[in-house]
Amino acid sequence: MVDLEKLRTVAKETISRDDVKYLIGWRQGTYGFRVTPCFIEEPGEAEQLIFSPLCTNNLASYLIVTEKLPLPRGEKPDTRKVAVMVKGCDSRAVVQQLIEQGIKREELYIIGCPCEGVLDLKKVEAKFPHILDPVAAQWGKDKIIFQLPEGVVEVPREEVLAQKCLDCRDPNPVIADITLGEEIEAWGNGEYQDVKELEAKSAEERWAFWEDKFSSCIRCYSCRNVCPMCYCKDCILDRLNPSWIYRSTNISENTAFHLSRAFHLAGRCIECGECERVCPVDIPLMKLNQKFSKEVEEKYGYRPGIDPEAKPLQSSYRPDDKEDFIL
C-alpha cells in the first residue's frame, strides 16, 4: 500500500524541480465517495494528494487533453515535464500513448502507484446511499475500510471493487520514474471469462443482448471523451462532411457508433474501464472492448501498453504470420 506521507514528500520534491511544470494526481472530492483529479503547481498543494480505493480516474487522459491544446498567438510552448501519478492500468495507457507517439517520454515524470483495486461507485453508493459528507477509504487485508460519518465500516473487497480490478493482470505500473509501495499480486488470469460467457450464446442471443444495450445509448460521447486512447484531432465520429455516422439515437446509428469505437481500439484498449465507468446508462462496454482484446491476444500474442519499445499492432510485421486468408 502506498504510504501517504511518502507520496506527499515525493510530490513536493517533484513539483519543486525546475524541469517540472505541474503534477497530476488525485484529491478528496467535495461530497460522498467522490475523488477528483487535480493539478498541483506549488509544493504546498501536495498536502491535498491522496491515493486510495476511491482513485478511479485514469489520469493518463489529461496528458493528451491538456498538453495538446493549440497555443495562443505569440505564446511559446512550455517544454518542462508533466508529472503524473499512475496506477497499473493508467501506466499502460501512458505506454500506449508513447508507442503511438502521442506523447514523448522526455516530457513526462511518472510516479507509479501499485494498486490493490479501485471501487465501483455504483456498488458502493447502492450499499451506502444518501451520504453527502466526504468519505475516506483505504485498503485492508481482503477488505475495504470506509470512514463513514457514523464510523468505521469494513466491507469485503469483492463486494465493492470494480470488475476491471477483479480481472486485472497489471496492478503494478509497467513504467515509472519512481514507484511508491510494494508490488501487488495480480488478481486476474487473462481468461476473459465474461467474454467467453457471451461467446457461448447463439448469434441471435448475442445480437438481442447488444440490441438491448445499444438501444439505451443517448450518444453523450462520454465513453469517447474519457478514453485515454481517443485523442485524434479529427474524429470520424464528429465528421459532418462527409458524415459517416448520423446523430440519430436509433439502434442502427448507435450500433455503428460503438462498433466504430471498438474497432478503433482493437490492439489499443488498455482495459482501464473508464468508458464503462462514465456511461450514464450502464452499457457494458468492456465486454465489447475485451472481445477485441481477446482476439488480438490469441491471434497475435499482443497486449497493448506493456512494452514501450513495441510497435503498434497494426504496424507490426512477422515473417511467420500465416497468410491463409490470401486467395
C-alpha atoms as a PDB file:
ATOM      1  CA  MET A   1       0.000   0.000   0.000  1.00  0.00           C
ATOM      2  CA  VAL A   2       1.259   3.497  -0.864  1.00  0.00           C
ATOM      3  CA  ASP A   3       2.312   5.482   2.198  1.00  0.00           C
ATOM      4  CA  LEU A   4       0.507   8.835   2.112  1.00  0.00           C
ATOM      5  CA  GLU A   5       3.322  10.792   3.739  1.00  0.00           C
ATOM      6  CA  LYS A   6       5.877   9.369   1.313  1.00  0.00           C
ATOM      7  CA  LEU A   7       3.583  10.222  -1.590  1.00  0.00           C
ATOM      8  CA  ARG A   8       3.267  13.836  -0.476  1.00  0.00           C
ATOM      9  CA  THR A   9       7.002  14.136   0.186  1.00  0.00           C
ATOM     10  CA  VAL A  10       7.809  12.797  -3.301  1.00  0.00           C
ATOM     11  CA  ALA A  11       5.194  15.132  -4.781  1.00  0.00           C
ATOM     12  CA  LYS A  12       6.730  18.174  -3.054  1.00  0.00           C
ATOM     13  CA  GLU A  13      10.191  17.235  -4.270  1.00  0.00           C
ATOM     14  CA  THR A  14       8.880  16.662  -7.776  1.00  0.00           C
ATOM     15  CA  ILE A  15       6.960  19.907  -8.129  1.00  0.00           C
ATOM     16  CA  SER A  16       9.944  21.813  -6.697  1.00  0.00           C
ATOM     17  CA  ARG A  17      12.072  20.742  -9.646  1.00  0.00           C
ATOM     18  CA  ASP A  18      12.830  23.399 -12.249  1.00  0.00           C
ATOM     19  CA  ASP A  19      12.069  20.997 -15.087  1.00  0.00           C
ATOM     20  CA  VAL A  20       8.526  20.095 -13.878  1.00  0.00           C
ATOM     21  CA  LYS A  21       5.586  22.420 -14.526  1.00  0.00           C
ATOM     22  CA  TYR A  22       2.855  20.597 -12.618  1.00  0.00           C
ATOM     23  CA  LEU A  23       1.820  17.248 -11.188  1.00  0.00           C
ATOM     24  CA  ILE A  24      -1.455  15.486 -11.988  1.00  0.00           C
ATOM     25  CA  GLY A  25      -2.855  13.477  -9.085  1.00  0.00           C
ATOM     26  CA  TRP A  26      -5.968  12.835  -7.037  1.00  0.00           C
ATOM     27  CA  ARG A  27      -7.517  14.717  -4.103  1.00  0.00           C
ATOM     28  CA  GLN A  28     -10.605  14.265  -1.953  1.00  0.00           C
ATOM     29  CA  GLY A  29     -13.829  15.344  -3.631  1.00  0.00           C
ATOM     30  CA  THR A  30     -16.445  17.646  -2.200  1.00  0.00           C
ATOM     31  CA  TYR A  31     -19.048  15.056  -1.259  1.00  0.00           C
ATOM     32  CA  GLY A  32     -19.667  11.381  -0.654  1.00  0.00           C
ATOM     33  CA  PHE A  33     -17.295   8.863  -2.191  1.00  0.00           C
ATOM     34  CA  ARG A  34     -16.059  11.251  -4.881  1.00  0.00           C
ATOM     35  CA  VAL A  35     -12.395  11.839  -5.606  1.00  0.00           C
ATOM     36  CA  THR A  36     -11.294  14.367  -8.194  1.00  0.00           C
ATOM     37  CA  PRO A  37      -8.203  14.723 -10.388  1.00  0.00           C
ATOM     38  CA  CYS A  38      -6.115  17.780  -9.513  1.00  0.00           C
ATOM     39  CA  PHE A  39      -3.197  19.757 -10.915  1.00  0.00           C
ATOM     40  CA  ILE A  40      -0.512  20.588  -8.344  1.00  0.00           C
ATOM     41  CA  GLU A  41       1.685  23.583  -9.216  1.00  0.00           C
ATOM     42  CA  GLU A  42       3.084  24.556  -5.799  1.00  0.00           C
ATOM     43  CA  PRO A  43       4.848  22.317  -3.230  1.00  0.00           C
ATOM     44  CA  GLY A  44       2.367  23.290  -0.507  1.00  0.00           C
ATOM     45  CA  GLU A  45      -0.516  21.961  -2.578  1.00  0.00           C
ATOM     46  CA  ALA A  46       0.927  18.444  -2.351  1.00  0.00           C
ATOM     47  CA  GLU A  47      -0.822  18.062   1.027  1.00  0.00           C
ATOM     48  CA  GLN A  48      -4.055  17.665  -0.924  1.00  0.00           C
ATOM     49  CA  LEU A  49      -2.896  14.484  -2.647  1.00  0.00           C
ATOM     50  CA  ILE A  50      -4.343  11.097  -1.790  1.00  0.00           C
ATOM     51  CA  PHE A  51      -4.159   7.562  -3.131  1.00  0.00           C
ATOM     52  CA  SER A  52      -6.968   5.248  -2.102  1.00  0.00           C
ATOM     53  CA  PRO A  53      -9.536   2.781  -3.476  1.00  0.00           C
ATOM     54  CA  LEU A  54     -11.591   5.837  -4.499  1.00  0.00           C
ATOM     55  CA  CYS A  55      -8.998   6.988  -7.073  1.00  0.00           C
ATOM     56  CA  THR A  56     -10.794   5.601 -10.101  1.00  0.00           C
ATOM     57  CA  ASN A  57      -9.953   8.196 -12.778  1.00  0.00           C
ATOM     58  CA  ASN A  58      -7.306   7.319 -15.353  1.00  0.00           C
ATOM     59  CA  LEU A  59      -5.080  10.396 -15.238  1.00  0.00           C
ATOM     60  CA  ALA A  60      -3.305   9.485 -18.477  1.00  0.00           C
ATOM     61  CA  SER A  61      -6.224  11.076 -20.347  1.00  0.00           C
ATOM     62  CA  TYR A  62      -5.056  14.510 -19.209  1.00  0.00           C
ATOM     63  CA  LEU A  63      -1.665  14.082 -20.861  1.00  0.00           C
ATOM     64  CA  ILE A  64      -3.462  14.344 -24.183  1.00  0.00           C
ATOM     65  CA  VAL A  65      -6.278  16.727 -23.226  1.00  0.00           C
ATOM     66  CA  THR A  66      -4.174  19.419 -21.538  1.00  0.00           C
ATOM     67  CA  GLU A  67      -0.888  19.108 -23.395  1.00  0.00           C
ATOM     68  CA  LYS A  68      -2.159  19.104 -26.975  1.00  0.00           C
ATOM     69  CA  LEU A  69      -4.243  22.278 -26.926  1.00  0.00           C
ATOM     70  CA  PRO A  70      -3.388  24.975 -29.506  1.00  0.00           C
ATOM     71  CA  LEU A  71      -1.236  27.767 -28.076  1.00  0.00           C
ATOM     72  CA  PRO A  72      -2.424  31.389 -28.040  1.00  0.00           C
ATOM     73  CA  ARG A  73      -0.807  33.510 -30.733  1.00  0.00           C
ATOM     74  CA  GLY A  74       2.711  34.558 -29.815  1.00  0.00           C
ATOM     75  CA  GLU A  75       2.997  32.187 -26.854  1.00  0.00           C
ATOM     76  CA  LYS A  76       5.893  29.742 -26.761  1.00  0.00           C
ATOM     77  CA  PRO A  77       5.355  26.147 -25.613  1.00  0.00           C
ATOM     78  CA  ASP A  78       6.327  25.243 -22.064  1.00  0.00           C
ATOM     79  CA  THR A  79       8.758  22.373 -22.548  1.00  0.00           C
ATOM     80  CA  ARG A  80       9.011  21.373 -18.890  1.00  0.00           C
ATOM     81  CA  LYS A  81       7.920  17.890 -17.863  1.00  0.00           C
ATOM     82  CA  VAL A  82       4.466  16.912 -16.654  1.00  0.00           C
ATOM     83  CA  ALA A  83       4.484  14.703 -13.555  1.00  0.00           C
ATOM     84  CA  VAL A  84       1.639  12.207 -13.331  1.00  0.00           C
ATOM     85  CA  MET A  85       0.531   9.592 -10.807  1.00  0.00           C
ATOM     86  CA  VAL A  86      -0.407   6.273 -12.409  1.00  0.00           C
ATOM     87  CA  LYS A  87      -1.981   3.001 -11.369  1.00  0.00           C
ATOM     88  CA  GLY A  88      -1.186  -0.142 -13.333  1.00  0.00           C
ATOM     89  CA  CYS A  89      -3.869   0.371 -15.989  1.00  0.00           C
ATOM     90  CA  ASP A  90      -3.073   4.094 -16.192  1.00  0.00           C
ATOM     91  CA  SER A  91       0.572   3.267 -16.865  1.00  0.00           C
ATOM     92  CA  ARG A  92      -0.446   1.006 -19.747  1.00  0.00           C
ATOM     93  CA  ALA A  93      -2.252   3.980 -21.276  1.00  0.00           C
ATOM     94  CA  VAL A  94       0.912   6.070 -20.953  1.00  0.00           C
ATOM     95  CA  VAL A  95       2.959   3.317 -22.621  1.00  0.00           C
ATOM     96  CA  GLN A  96       0.488   3.031 -25.490  1.00  0.00           C
ATOM     97  CA  GLN A  97       0.498   6.797 -25.979  1.00  0.00           C
ATOM     98  CA  LEU A  98       4.294   6.632 -26.145  1.00  0.00           C
ATOM     99  CA  ILE A  99       4.188   3.759 -28.652  1.00  0.00           C
ATOM    100  CA  GLU A 100       1.846   5.774 -30.871  1.00  0.00           C
ATOM    101  CA  GLN A 101       3.985   8.904 -30.430  1.00  0.00           C
ATOM    102  CA  GLY A 102       1.059  10.803 -28.975  1.00  0.00           C
ATOM    103  CA  ILE A 103       3.460  11.965 -26.257  1.00  0.00           C
ATOM    104  CA  LYS A 104       7.214  11.761 -25.714  1.00  0.00           C
ATOM    105  CA  ARG A 105       8.985  10.078 -22.820  1.00  0.00           C
ATOM    106  CA  GLU A 106      11.157  13.095 -22.091  1.00  0.00           C
ATOM    107  CA  GLU A 107       8.005  15.137 -21.500  1.00  0.00           C
ATOM    108  CA  LEU A 108       6.960  13.032 -18.506  1.00  0.00           C
ATOM    109  CA  TYR A 109       7.881  12.246 -14.921  1.00  0.00           C
ATOM    110  CA  ILE A 110       5.883   9.180 -13.890  1.00  0.00           C
ATOM    111  CA  ILE A 111       5.042   8.367 -10.259  1.00  0.00           C
ATOM    112  CA  GLY A 112       3.936   4.729 -10.078  1.00  0.00           C
ATOM    113  CA  CYS A 113       1.350   3.645  -7.510  1.00  0.00           C
ATOM    114  CA  PRO A 114       0.822  -0.137  -7.129  1.00  0.00           C
ATOM    115  CA  CYS A 115      -2.938  -0.578  -6.912  1.00  0.00           C
ATOM    116  CA  GLU A 116      -4.961  -3.056  -4.839  1.00  0.00           C
ATOM    117  CA  GLY A 117      -8.115  -2.247  -6.783  1.00  0.00           C
ATOM    118  CA  VAL A 118     -10.433   0.747  -7.076  1.00  0.00           C
ATOM    119  CA  LEU A 119     -14.102   0.887  -6.189  1.00  0.00           C
ATOM    120  CA  ASP A 120     -17.162   0.654  -8.365  1.00  0.00           C
ATOM    121  CA  LEU A 121     -19.018   3.731  -7.120  1.00  0.00           C
ATOM    122  CA  LYS A 122     -22.352   2.333  -8.234  1.00  0.00           C
ATOM    123  CA  LYS A 123     -21.845  -0.694  -5.970  1.00  0.00           C
ATOM    124  CA  VAL A 124     -20.639   1.482  -3.098  1.00  0.00           C
ATOM    125  CA  GLU A 125     -23.433   4.046  -3.332  1.00  0.00           C
ATOM    126  CA  ALA A 126     -26.016   1.262  -3.528  1.00  0.00           C
ATOM    127  CA  LYS A 127     -24.598  -0.174  -0.294  1.00  0.00           C
ATOM    128  CA  PHE A 128     -24.276   3.223   1.420  1.00  0.00           C
ATOM    129  CA  PRO A 129     -26.919   5.523  -0.124  1.00  0.00           C
ATOM    130  CA  HIS A 130     -27.528   9.221   0.512  1.00  0.00           C
ATOM    131  CA  ILE A 131     -24.119  10.034   2.020  1.00  0.00           C
ATOM    132  CA  LEU A 132     -23.181  13.634   1.285  1.00  0.00           C
ATOM    133  CA  ASP A 133     -20.264  14.205   3.670  1.00  0.00           C
ATOM    134  CA  PRO A 134     -16.846  13.395   2.169  1.00  0.00           C
ATOM    135  CA  VAL A 135     -15.847   9.774   2.832  1.00  0.00           C
ATOM    136  CA  ALA A 136     -12.350   8.319   3.027  1.00  0.00           C
ATOM    137  CA  ALA A 137     -11.438   4.718   2.195  1.00  0.00           C
ATOM    138  CA  GLN A 138      -8.344   2.560   2.461  1.00  0.00           C
ATOM    139  CA  TRP A 139      -7.250  -0.953   1.649  1.00  0.00           C
ATOM    140  CA  GLY A 140      -7.207  -3.592   4.370  1.00  0.00           C
ATOM    141  CA  LYS A 141      -6.460  -7.308   4.199  1.00  0.00           C
ATOM    142  CA  ASP A 142      -9.072  -8.608   1.749  1.00  0.00           C
ATOM    143  CA  LYS A 143     -11.363  -5.716   2.670  1.00  0.00           C
ATOM    144  CA  ILE A 144     -12.050  -2.041   2.100  1.00  0.00           C
ATOM    145  CA  ILE A 145     -12.192   0.166   5.191  1.00  0.00           C
ATOM    146  CA  PHE A 146     -14.554   3.141   4.950  1.00  0.00           C
ATOM    147  CA  GLN A 147     -14.514   6.179   7.230  1.00  0.00           C
ATOM    148  CA  LEU A 148     -18.252   6.921   7.129  1.00  0.00           C
ATOM    149  CA  PRO A 149     -19.975   9.743   9.060  1.00  0.00           C
ATOM    150  CA  GLU A 150     -21.326   7.165  11.521  1.00  0.00           C
ATOM    151  CA  GLY A 151     -17.950   5.493  11.980  1.00  0.00           C
ATOM    152  CA  VAL A 152     -15.601   2.892  10.513  1.00  0.00           C
ATOM    153  CA  VAL A 153     -17.157   0.172   8.332  1.00  0.00           C
ATOM    154  CA  GLU A 154     -15.283  -2.746   6.760  1.00  0.00           C
ATOM    155  CA  VAL A 155     -16.554  -4.431   3.584  1.00  0.00           C
ATOM    156  CA  PRO A 156     -15.107  -7.479   1.729  1.00  0.00           C
ATOM    157  CA  ARG A 157     -13.359  -6.003  -1.279  1.00  0.00           C
ATOM    158  CA  GLU A 158     -15.007  -8.410  -3.741  1.00  0.00           C
ATOM    159  CA  GLU A 159     -18.342  -6.740  -2.949  1.00  0.00           C
ATOM    160  CA  VAL A 160     -17.300  -3.231  -3.941  1.00  0.00           C
ATOM    161  CA  LEU A 161     -14.297  -3.433  -6.285  1.00  0.00           C
ATOM    162  CA  ALA A 162     -14.743  -2.592  -9.954  1.00  0.00           C
ATOM    163  CA  GLN A 163     -14.958  -5.656 -12.187  1.00  0.00           C
ATOM    164  CA  LYS A 164     -11.903  -4.489 -14.134  1.00  0.00           C
ATOM    165  CA  CYS A 165      -9.862  -4.809 -10.922  1.00  0.00           C
ATOM    166  CA  LEU A 166     -11.115  -8.335 -10.238  1.00  0.00           C
ATOM    167  CA  ASP A 167      -9.874  -9.222 -13.752  1.00  0.00           C
ATOM    168  CA  CYS A 168      -6.705  -7.090 -13.633  1.00  0.00           C
ATOM    169  CA  ARG A 169      -3.363  -8.626 -14.602  1.00  0.00           C
ATOM    170  CA  ASP A 170      -1.334  -5.430 -14.229  1.00  0.00           C
ATOM    171  CA  PRO A 171      -1.874  -3.862 -10.782  1.00  0.00           C
ATOM    172  CA  ASN A 172       1.731  -2.610 -10.768  1.00  0.00           C
ATOM    173  CA  PRO A 173       2.858   0.236 -13.043  1.00  0.00           C
ATOM    174  CA  VAL A 174       4.638  -1.085 -16.124  1.00  0.00           C
ATOM    175  CA  ILE A 175       6.554   2.175 -16.484  1.00  0.00           C
ATOM    176  CA  ALA A 176       7.620   4.685 -13.808  1.00  0.00           C
ATOM    177  CA  ASP A 177      10.435   7.020 -12.820  1.00  0.00           C
ATOM    178  CA  ILE A 178       9.711   6.271  -9.166  1.00  0.00           C
ATOM    179  CA  THR A 179       7.419   3.613  -7.696  1.00  0.00           C
ATOM    180  CA  LEU A 180       5.771   4.044  -4.307  1.00  0.00           C
ATOM    181  CA  GLY A 181       4.953   0.981  -2.222  1.00  0.00           C
ATOM    182  CA  GLU A 182       5.425  -2.742  -2.691  1.00  0.00           C
ATOM    183  CA  GLU A 183       4.355  -4.763  -5.714  1.00  0.00           C
ATOM    184  CA  ILE A 184       0.803  -6.119  -5.660  1.00  0.00           C
ATOM    185  CA  GLU A 185      -0.110  -9.661  -6.650  1.00  0.00           C
ATOM    186  CA  ALA A 186      -2.432  -9.693  -9.656  1.00  0.00           C
ATOM    187  CA  TRP A 187      -5.968 -10.995  -9.300  1.00  0.00           C
ATOM    188  CA  GLY A 188      -6.735 -11.632 -12.953  1.00  0.00           C
ATOM    189  CA  ASN A 189      -5.623 -14.609 -15.003  1.00  0.00           C
ATOM    190  CA  GLY A 190      -6.348 -13.439 -18.549  1.00  0.00           C
ATOM    191  CA  GLU A 191      -9.130 -15.938 -19.135  1.00  0.00           C
ATOM    192  CA  TYR A 192     -11.686 -13.357 -20.361  1.00  0.00           C
ATOM    193  CA  GLN A 193     -14.479 -15.218 -18.570  1.00  0.00           C
ATOM    194  CA  ASP A 194     -17.148 -12.560 -19.253  1.00  0.00           C
ATOM    195  CA  VAL A 195     -16.328 -12.617 -22.961  1.00  0.00           C
ATOM    196  CA  LYS A 196     -16.418 -16.412 -23.117  1.00  0.00           C
ATOM    197  CA  GLU A 197     -19.851 -16.482 -21.488  1.00  0.00           C
ATOM    198  CA  LEU A 198     -21.169 -14.171 -24.190  1.00  0.00           C
ATOM    199  CA  GLU A 199     -19.380 -16.099 -26.942  1.00  0.00           C
ATOM    200  CA  ALA A 200     -21.134 -19.277 -25.803  1.00  0.00           C
ATOM    201  CA  LYS A 201     -24.512 -17.807 -26.755  1.00  0.00           C
ATOM    202  CA  SER A 202     -26.008 -18.102 -30.228  1.00  0.00           C
ATOM    203  CA  ALA A 203     -25.661 -15.255 -32.736  1.00  0.00           C
ATOM    204  CA  GLU A 204     -29.322 -14.391 -32.190  1.00  0.00           C
ATOM    205  CA  GLU A 205     -28.859 -14.244 -28.410  1.00  0.00           C
ATOM    206  CA  ARG A 206     -25.746 -12.106 -28.726  1.00  0.00           C
ATOM    207  CA  TRP A 207     -27.500  -9.665 -31.031  1.00  0.00           C
ATOM    208  CA  ALA A 208     -30.506  -9.481 -28.682  1.00  0.00           C
ATOM    209  CA  PHE A 209     -28.091  -8.682 -25.836  1.00  0.00           C
ATOM    210  CA  TRP A 210     -26.331  -5.870 -27.678  1.00  0.00           C
ATOM    211  CA  GLU A 211     -29.511  -4.539 -29.276  1.00  0.00           C
ATOM    212  CA  ASP A 212     -30.941  -4.074 -25.798  1.00  0.00           C
ATOM    213  CA  LYS A 213     -27.777  -2.349 -24.539  1.00  0.00           C
ATOM    214  CA  PHE A 214     -27.170  -0.132 -27.593  1.00  0.00           C
ATOM    215  CA  SER A 215     -30.820   0.936 -27.712  1.00  0.00           C
ATOM    216  CA  SER A 216     -30.365   2.727 -24.401  1.00  0.00           C
ATOM    217  CA  CYS A 217     -27.368   4.774 -25.652  1.00  0.00           C
ATOM    218  CA  ILE A 218     -28.032   8.535 -25.597  1.00  0.00           C
ATOM    219  CA  ARG A 219     -24.866   9.321 -27.613  1.00  0.00           C
ATOM    220  CA  CYS A 220     -23.428  11.586 -24.950  1.00  0.00           C
ATOM    221  CA  TYR A 221     -19.877  10.711 -26.129  1.00  0.00           C
ATOM    222  CA  SER A 222     -18.692  10.269 -22.539  1.00  0.00           C
ATOM    223  CA  CYS A 223     -17.064   6.932 -23.420  1.00  0.00           C
ATOM    224  CA  ARG A 224     -15.022   8.521 -26.170  1.00  0.00           C
ATOM    225  CA  ASN A 225     -14.178  11.685 -24.262  1.00  0.00           C
ATOM    226  CA  VAL A 226     -12.838   9.860 -21.205  1.00  0.00           C
ATOM    227  CA  CYS A 227     -10.828   7.290 -23.140  1.00  0.00           C
ATOM    228  CA  PRO A 228      -7.046   7.869 -22.896  1.00  0.00           C
ATOM    229  CA  MET A 229      -6.642   6.278 -26.325  1.00  0.00           C
ATOM    230  CA  CYS A 230      -9.165   8.521 -28.112  1.00  0.00           C
ATOM    231  CA  TYR A 231      -7.124  11.591 -28.928  1.00  0.00           C
ATOM    232  CA  CYS A 232      -7.452  12.029 -32.704  1.00  0.00           C
ATOM    233  CA  LYS A 233      -7.740  15.712 -33.631  1.00  0.00           C
ATOM    234  CA  ASP A 234     -10.201  14.795 -36.374  1.00  0.00           C
ATOM    235  CA  CYS A 235     -12.562  12.135 -35.019  1.00  0.00           C
ATOM    236  CA  ILE A 236     -14.566  10.260 -37.638  1.00  0.00           C
ATOM    237  CA  LEU A 237     -17.490  10.198 -35.206  1.00  0.00           C
ATOM    238  CA  ASP A 238     -17.679  14.021 -35.349  1.00  0.00           C
ATOM    239  CA  ARG A 239     -17.441  14.489 -39.113  1.00  0.00           C
ATOM    240  CA  LEU A 240     -20.382  16.155 -40.814  1.00  0.00           C
ATOM    241  CA  ASN A 241     -18.975  16.418 -44.332  1.00  0.00           C
ATOM    242  CA  PRO A 242     -18.849  13.620 -45.205  1.00  0.00           C
ATOM    243  CA  SER A 243     -20.982  12.275 -42.375  1.00  0.00           C
ATOM    244  CA  TRP A 244     -20.064   8.711 -41.507  1.00  0.00           C
ATOM    245  CA  ILE A 245     -22.411   8.343 -38.553  1.00  0.00           C
ATOM    246  CA  TYR A 246     -25.566  10.377 -38.042  1.00  0.00           C
ATOM    247  CA  ARG A 247     -26.512  11.974 -34.746  1.00  0.00           C
ATOM    248  CA  SER A 248     -29.739   9.956 -34.565  1.00  0.00           C
ATOM    249  CA  THR A 249     -30.035   7.827 -31.421  1.00  0.00           C
ATOM    250  CA  ASN A 250     -31.555   4.789 -33.082  1.00  0.00           C
ATOM    251  CA  ILE A 251     -30.284   1.223 -32.913  1.00  0.00           C
ATOM    252  CA  SER A 252     -28.615   1.413 -36.331  1.00  0.00           C
ATOM    253  CA  GLU A 253     -26.603   4.568 -35.665  1.00  0.00           C
ATOM    254  CA  ASN A 254     -25.837   3.599 -32.064  1.00  0.00           C
ATOM    255  CA  THR A 255     -24.521   0.226 -33.186  1.00  0.00           C
ATOM    256  CA  ALA A 256     -22.345   1.871 -35.843  1.00  0.00           C
ATOM    257  CA  PHE A 257     -21.024   4.314 -33.233  1.00  0.00           C
ATOM    258  CA  HIS A 258     -19.999   1.659 -30.719  1.00  0.00           C
ATOM    259  CA  LEU A 259     -18.584  -0.766 -33.277  1.00  0.00           C
ATOM    260  CA  SER A 260     -16.550   2.042 -34.848  1.00  0.00           C
ATOM    261  CA  ARG A 261     -15.026   2.844 -31.458  1.00  0.00           C
ATOM    262  CA  ALA A 262     -14.380  -0.820 -30.700  1.00  0.00           C
ATOM    263  CA  PHE A 263     -12.554  -1.371 -33.989  1.00  0.00           C
ATOM    264  CA  HIS A 264     -10.551   1.817 -33.438  1.00  0.00           C
ATOM    265  CA  LEU A 265      -9.458   0.458 -30.038  1.00  0.00           C
ATOM    266  CA  ALA A 266      -8.568  -3.038 -31.286  1.00  0.00           C
ATOM    267  CA  GLY A 267      -4.987  -3.650 -30.201  1.00  0.00           C
ATOM    268  CA  ARG A 268      -5.031  -0.317 -28.334  1.00  0.00           C
ATOM    269  CA  CYS A 269      -7.502  -0.687 -25.451  1.00  0.00           C
ATOM    270  CA  ILE A 270      -5.609  -0.936 -22.162  1.00  0.00           C
ATOM    271  CA  GLU A 271      -8.679  -2.174 -20.241  1.00  0.00           C
ATOM    272  CA  CYS A 272      -8.890   0.690 -17.750  1.00  0.00           C
ATOM    273  CA  GLY A 273     -12.699   0.526 -17.827  1.00  0.00           C
ATOM    274  CA  GLU A 274     -13.162   4.295 -17.907  1.00  0.00           C
ATOM    275  CA  CYS A 275     -15.682   4.079 -20.758  1.00  0.00           C
ATOM    276  CA  GLU A 276     -17.929   1.777 -18.763  1.00  0.00           C
ATOM    277  CA  ARG A 277     -17.476   3.784 -15.551  1.00  0.00           C
ATOM    278  CA  VAL A 278     -18.735   7.042 -17.026  1.00  0.00           C
ATOM    279  CA  CYS A 279     -21.584   5.605 -19.104  1.00  0.00           C
ATOM    280  CA  PRO A 280     -24.805   7.127 -17.716  1.00  0.00           C
ATOM    281  CA  VAL A 281     -26.955   4.238 -18.984  1.00  0.00           C
ATOM    282  CA  ASP A 282     -24.688   1.385 -17.855  1.00  0.00           C
ATOM    283  CA  ILE A 283     -23.756  -0.123 -21.219  1.00  0.00           C
ATOM    284  CA  PRO A 284     -21.210  -2.922 -20.525  1.00  0.00           C
ATOM    285  CA  LEU A 285     -18.664  -1.559 -22.971  1.00  0.00           C
ATOM    286  CA  MET A 286     -15.811  -3.577 -21.521  1.00  0.00           C
ATOM    287  CA  LYS A 287     -17.446  -6.771 -22.758  1.00  0.00           C
ATOM    288  CA  LEU A 288     -17.169  -5.387 -26.275  1.00  0.00           C
ATOM    289  CA  ASN A 289     -13.649  -3.994 -25.922  1.00  0.00           C
ATOM    290  CA  GLN A 290     -12.375  -7.119 -24.211  1.00  0.00           C
ATOM    291  CA  LYS A 291     -13.742  -9.272 -27.028  1.00  0.00           C
ATOM    292  CA  PHE A 292     -11.356  -7.436 -29.340  1.00  0.00           C
ATOM    293  CA  SER A 293      -8.546  -7.656 -26.759  1.00  0.00           C
ATOM    294  CA  LYS A 294      -9.074 -11.408 -26.512  1.00  0.00           C
ATOM    295  CA  GLU A 295      -8.927 -11.859 -30.301  1.00  0.00           C
ATOM    296  CA  VAL A 296      -5.791  -9.730 -30.600  1.00  0.00           C
ATOM    297  CA  GLU A 297      -4.033 -11.574 -27.780  1.00  0.00           C
ATOM    298  CA  GLU A 298      -4.981 -15.041 -29.019  1.00  0.00           C
ATOM    299  CA  LYS A 299      -4.238 -14.437 -32.697  1.00  0.00           C
ATOM    300  CA  TYR A 300      -1.222 -12.152 -32.462  1.00  0.00           C
ATOM    301  CA  GLY A 301       0.123 -12.607 -28.936  1.00  0.00           C
ATOM    302  CA  TYR A 302      -0.139  -8.832 -28.481  1.00  0.00           C
ATOM    303  CA  ARG A 303      -1.156  -6.897 -25.376  1.00  0.00           C
ATOM    304  CA  PRO A 304      -1.117  -3.109 -25.771  1.00  0.00           C
ATOM    305  CA  GLY A 305       0.550  -0.809 -23.269  1.00  0.00           C
ATOM    306  CA  ILE A 306       3.065  -3.301 -21.901  1.00  0.00           C
ATOM    307  CA  ASP A 307       6.333  -2.635 -23.757  1.00  0.00           C
ATOM    308  CA  PRO A 308       7.359   0.970 -24.551  1.00  0.00           C
ATOM    309  CA  GLU A 309       9.650  -0.345 -27.296  1.00  0.00           C
ATOM    310  CA  ALA A 310       6.894  -2.296 -29.063  1.00  0.00           C
ATOM    311  CA  LYS A 311       5.270  -1.216 -32.301  1.00  0.00           C
ATOM    312  CA  PRO A 312       1.549  -0.600 -32.631  1.00  0.00           C
ATOM    313  CA  LEU A 313      -0.245  -3.816 -33.522  1.00  0.00           C
ATOM    314  CA  GLN A 314      -1.337  -2.732 -36.990  1.00  0.00           C
ATOM    315  CA  SER A 315       2.126  -1.505 -37.970  1.00  0.00           C
ATOM    316  CA  SER A 316       3.936  -4.644 -36.831  1.00  0.00           C
ATOM    317  CA  TYR A 317       5.021  -7.478 -39.104  1.00  0.00           C
ATOM    318  CA  ARG A 318       6.240 -11.024 -38.569  1.00  0.00           C
ATOM    319  CA  PRO A 319       7.707 -13.188 -41.362  1.00  0.00           C
ATOM    320  CA  ASP A 320       5.956 -16.229 -39.884  1.00  0.00           C
ATOM    321  CA  ASP A 321       2.478 -14.661 -39.961  1.00  0.00           C
ATOM    322  CA  LYS A 322       0.038 -17.050 -41.565  1.00  0.00           C
ATOM    323  CA  GLU A 323      -1.301 -15.970 -44.954  1.00  0.00           C
ATOM    324  CA  ASP A 324      -4.118 -18.478 -45.318  1.00  0.00           C
ATOM    325  CA  PHE A 325      -6.594 -15.657 -45.886  1.00  0.00           C
ATOM    326  CA  ILE A 326      -4.871 -14.584 -49.109  1.00  0.00           C
ATOM    327  CA  LEU A 327      -6.609 -16.120 -52.134  1.00  0.00           C
END
